[in-house]
Amino acid sequence: MTYGLLLPLTAGALVLAGPGQSGAEAMSVCSGRPQQTVRFATGELRVFKNRDYACAITVAKKPGAKRTMSVSLQARGASPVVDKGTFTRQAGPVTVHALNRCVRASGAVSGKGGSTGWILC
């Protein structure tokens, strides 16, 4: 009886997370809870964290035209993980192991960007 109830809820969740959802789609790319959002003129950097990992994406303020975007995420004591290129909507996600480690993130869209400094310590 429980299985019959879960199936419609699961199917509904899949429909809600479909490609027509602009804000929800970007939020669901990284697992974990939102930790920090850094807004800048051309977009925003979003950082998420679950128990073991941190994840970051850079999202364009006005998606559409291809432009240079980047996102970088670094756990303290490790090299940064970077996604940089020409995208229409977002750069990333990038993920690092961050259990008991501080992280810092940065992101940019069309040459304008922002960063967090060391967070999640």
C-alpha atoms as a PDB file:
ATOM      1  CA  MET A   1       0.000   0.000   0.000  1.00  0.00           C
ATOM      2  CA  THR A   2       2.875   2.378   0.728  1.00  0.00           C
ATOM      3  CA  TYR A   3       4.434   1.663  -2.676  1.00  0.00           C
ATOM      4  CA  GLY A   4       1.326   2.862  -4.493  1.00  0.00           C
ATOM      5  CA  LEU A   5       1.473   6.111  -2.551  1.00  0.00           C
ATOM      6  CA  LEU A   6       5.177   6.699  -3.206  1.00  0.00           C
ATOM      7  CA  LEU A   7       5.018   6.147  -6.957  1.00  0.00           C
ATOM      8  CA  PRO A   8       2.759   9.148  -7.714  1.00  0.00           C
ATOM      9  CA  LEU A   9       4.848  11.367  -5.424  1.00  0.00           C
ATOM     10  CA  THR A  10       8.047  10.299  -7.163  1.00  0.00           C
ATOM     11  CA  ALA A  11       6.567  10.821 -10.610  1.00  0.00           C
ATOM     12  CA  GLY A  12       5.336  14.267  -9.571  1.00  0.00           C
ATOM     13  CA  ALA A  13       8.781  15.187  -8.266  1.00  0.00           C
ATOM     14  CA  LEU A  14      10.360  14.225 -11.569  1.00  0.00           C
ATOM     15  CA  VAL A  15       7.951  16.436 -13.459  1.00  0.00           C
ATOM     16  CA  LEU A  16       8.626  19.386 -11.148  1.00  0.00           C
ATOM     17  CA  ALA A  17      12.371  19.071 -11.670  1.00  0.00           C
ATOM     18  CA  GLY A  18      12.041  18.995 -15.466  1.00  0.00           C
ATOM     19  CA  PRO A  19      13.760  21.327 -17.928  1.00  0.00           C
ATOM     20  CA  GLY A  20      11.026  23.965 -17.730  1.00  0.00           C
ATOM     21  CA  GLN A  21      12.002  24.905 -14.176  1.00  0.00           C
ATOM     22  CA  SER A  22      14.744  27.519 -14.363  1.00  0.00           C
ATOM     23  CA  GLY A  23      15.375  28.311 -10.673  1.00  0.00           C
ATOM     24  CA  ALA A  24      14.606  24.859  -9.301  1.00  0.00           C
ATOM     25  CA  GLU A  25      16.756  23.214 -11.949  1.00  0.00           C
ATOM     26  CA  ALA A  26      19.870  25.128 -10.938  1.00  0.00           C
ATOM     27  CA  MET A  27      19.222  24.483  -7.265  1.00  0.00           C
ATOM     28  CA  SER A  28      18.941  20.706  -7.814  1.00  0.00           C
ATOM     29  CA  VAL A  29      22.316  20.404  -9.616  1.00  0.00           C
ATOM     30  CA  CYS A  30      24.258  20.263  -6.326  1.00  0.00           C
ATOM     31  CA  SER A  31      23.241  17.991  -3.490  1.00  0.00           C
ATOM     32  CA  GLY A  32      23.139  19.263   0.059  1.00  0.00           C
ATOM     33  CA  ARG A  33      21.870  22.419   1.679  1.00  0.00           C
ATOM     34  CA  PRO A  34      22.484  25.916   0.342  1.00  0.00           C
ATOM     35  CA  GLN A  35      25.279  27.521   2.395  1.00  0.00           C
ATOM     36  CA  GLN A  36      26.087  30.796   0.706  1.00  0.00           C
ATOM     37  CA  THR A  37      25.070  32.816  -2.350  1.00  0.00           C
ATOM     38  CA  VAL A  38      27.291  35.576  -3.711  1.00  0.00           C
ATOM     39  CA  ARG A  39      25.484  37.873  -6.131  1.00  0.00           C
ATOM     40  CA  PHE A  40      27.318  39.990  -8.694  1.00  0.00           C
ATOM     41  CA  ALA A  41      26.288  42.127 -11.676  1.00  0.00           C
ATOM     42  CA  THR A  42      26.047  39.313 -14.244  1.00  0.00           C
ATOM     43  CA  GLY A  43      25.052  36.325 -12.097  1.00  0.00           C
ATOM     44  CA  GLU A  44      25.574  34.532  -8.826  1.00  0.00           C
ATOM     45  CA  LEU A  45      27.786  31.942  -7.185  1.00  0.00           C
ATOM     46  CA  ARG A  46      25.954  29.275  -5.157  1.00  0.00           C
ATOM     47  CA  VAL A  47      27.663  27.013  -2.604  1.00  0.00           C
ATOM     48  CA  PHE A  48      26.062  23.874  -1.149  1.00  0.00           C
ATOM     49  CA  LYS A  49      27.236  21.392   1.504  1.00  0.00           C
ATOM     50  CA  ASN A  50      26.241  17.959   2.646  1.00  0.00           C
ATOM     51  CA  ARG A  51      28.057  15.955   5.320  1.00  0.00           C
ATOM     52  CA  ASP A  52      31.107  15.029   3.238  1.00  0.00           C
ATOM     53  CA  TYR A  53      31.138  17.267   0.170  1.00  0.00           C
ATOM     54  CA  ALA A  54      30.838  20.890  -0.890  1.00  0.00           C
ATOM     55  CA  CYS A  55      29.509  21.826  -4.316  1.00  0.00           C
ATOM     56  CA  ALA A  56      29.423  25.114  -6.237  1.00  0.00           C
ATOM     57  CA  ILE A  57      27.847  26.479  -9.404  1.00  0.00           C
ATOM     58  CA  THR A  58      27.872  29.862 -11.123  1.00  0.00           C
ATOM     59  CA  VAL A  59      24.545  30.831 -12.688  1.00  0.00           C
ATOM     60  CA  ALA A  60      24.080  33.615 -15.255  1.00  0.00           C
ATOM     61  CA  LYS A  61      21.625  36.370 -14.339  1.00  0.00           C
ATOM     62  CA  LYS A  62      20.196  36.325 -17.874  1.00  0.00           C
ATOM     63  CA  PRO A  63      20.651  32.892 -19.476  1.00  0.00           C
ATOM     64  CA  GLY A  64      20.637  32.597 -23.248  1.00  0.00           C
ATOM     65  CA  ALA A  65      23.626  33.837 -25.201  1.00  0.00           C
ATOM     66  CA  LYS A  66      26.900  31.940 -24.882  1.00  0.00           C
ATOM     67  CA  ARG A  67      29.490  33.761 -22.777  1.00  0.00           C
ATOM     68  CA  THR A  68      32.555  33.006 -20.698  1.00  0.00           C
ATOM     69  CA  MET A  69      31.713  31.585 -17.265  1.00  0.00           C
ATOM     70  CA  SER A  70      33.725  29.942 -14.541  1.00  0.00           C
ATOM     71  CA  VAL A  71      33.367  28.372 -11.128  1.00  0.00           C
ATOM     72  CA  SER A  72      36.149  27.276  -8.783  1.00  0.00           C
ATOM     73  CA  LEU A  73      35.919  25.395  -5.495  1.00  0.00           C
ATOM     74  CA  GLN A  74      38.880  24.585  -3.258  1.00  0.00           C
ATOM     75  CA  ALA A  75      39.099  22.629  -0.032  1.00  0.00           C
ATOM     76  CA  ARG A  76      41.830  23.881   2.290  1.00  0.00           C
ATOM     77  CA  GLY A  77      45.049  21.975   1.618  1.00  0.00           C
ATOM     78  CA  ALA A  78      43.954  20.789  -1.837  1.00  0.00           C
ATOM     79  CA  SER A  79      44.062  22.118  -5.374  1.00  0.00           C
ATOM     80  CA  PRO A  80      41.000  23.964  -6.702  1.00  0.00           C
ATOM     81  CA  VAL A  81      38.489  22.212  -8.943  1.00  0.00           C
ATOM     82  CA  VAL A  82      37.563  24.514 -11.858  1.00  0.00           C
ATOM     83  CA  ASP A  83      34.951  24.517 -14.598  1.00  0.00           C
ATOM     84  CA  LYS A  84      35.629  27.299 -17.111  1.00  0.00           C
ATOM     85  CA  GLY A  85      34.324  27.749 -20.632  1.00  0.00           C
ATOM     86  CA  THR A  86      31.627  29.250 -22.815  1.00  0.00           C
ATOM     87  CA  PHE A  87      28.154  28.428 -21.524  1.00  0.00           C
ATOM     88  CA  THR A  88      24.592  29.698 -21.940  1.00  0.00           C
ATOM     89  CA  ARG A  89      23.306  29.219 -18.395  1.00  0.00           C
ATOM     90  CA  GLN A  90      25.789  27.991 -15.783  1.00  0.00           C
ATOM     91  CA  ALA A  91      29.300  26.786 -15.033  1.00  0.00           C
ATOM     92  CA  GLY A  92      29.621  23.729 -12.860  1.00  0.00           C
ATOM     93  CA  PRO A  93      28.787  21.943 -10.739  1.00  0.00           C
ATOM     94  CA  VAL A  94      32.177  21.346  -9.155  1.00  0.00           C
ATOM     95  CA  THR A  95      32.497  19.205  -6.037  1.00  0.00           C
ATOM     96  CA  VAL A  96      35.243  18.690  -3.445  1.00  0.00           C
ATOM     97  CA  HIS A  97      35.582  16.470  -0.391  1.00  0.00           C
ATOM     98  CA  ALA A  98      35.064  18.842   2.518  1.00  0.00           C
ATOM     99  CA  LEU A  99      34.543  16.764   5.651  1.00  0.00           C
ATOM    100  CA  ASN A 100      36.038  18.899   8.470  1.00  0.00           C
ATOM    101  CA  ARG A 101      37.684  21.245   5.938  1.00  0.00           C
ATOM    102  CA  CYS A 102      37.165  24.876   5.039  1.00  0.00           C
ATOM    103  CA  VAL A 103      36.428  25.680   1.412  1.00  0.00           C
ATOM    104  CA  ARG A 104      36.536  28.772  -0.758  1.00  0.00           C
ATOM    105  CA  ALA A 105      34.670  29.376  -3.983  1.00  0.00           C
ATOM    106  CA  SER A 106      34.698  31.897  -6.788  1.00  0.00           C
ATOM    107  CA  GLY A 107      32.637  32.387  -9.901  1.00  0.00           C
ATOM    108  CA  ALA A 108      32.384  34.748 -12.842  1.00  0.00           C
ATOM    109  CA  VAL A 109      30.134  35.505 -15.805  1.00  0.00           C
ATOM    110  CA  SER A 110      31.403  37.721 -18.633  1.00  0.00           C
ATOM    111  CA  GLY A 111      34.387  38.968 -16.632  1.00  0.00           C
ATOM    112  CA  LYS A 112      32.429  40.024 -13.529  1.00  0.00           C
ATOM    113  CA  GLY A 113      32.367  37.785 -10.498  1.00  0.00           C
ATOM    114  CA  GLY A 114      32.543  37.189  -6.789  1.00  0.00           C
ATOM    115  CA  SER A 115      34.116  34.919  -4.208  1.00  0.00           C
ATOM    116  CA  THR A 116      33.483  33.651  -0.693  1.00  0.00           C
ATOM    117  CA  GLY A 117      36.797  33.594   1.126  1.00  0.00           C
ATOM    118  CA  TRP A 118      37.248  30.598   3.485  1.00  0.00           C
ATOM    119  CA  ILE A 119      33.860  29.302   4.659  1.00  0.00           C
ATOM    120  CA  LEU A 120      32.263  26.204   6.204  1.00  0.00           C
ATOM    121  CA  CYS A 121      35.075  25.894   8.760  1.00  0.00           C
END
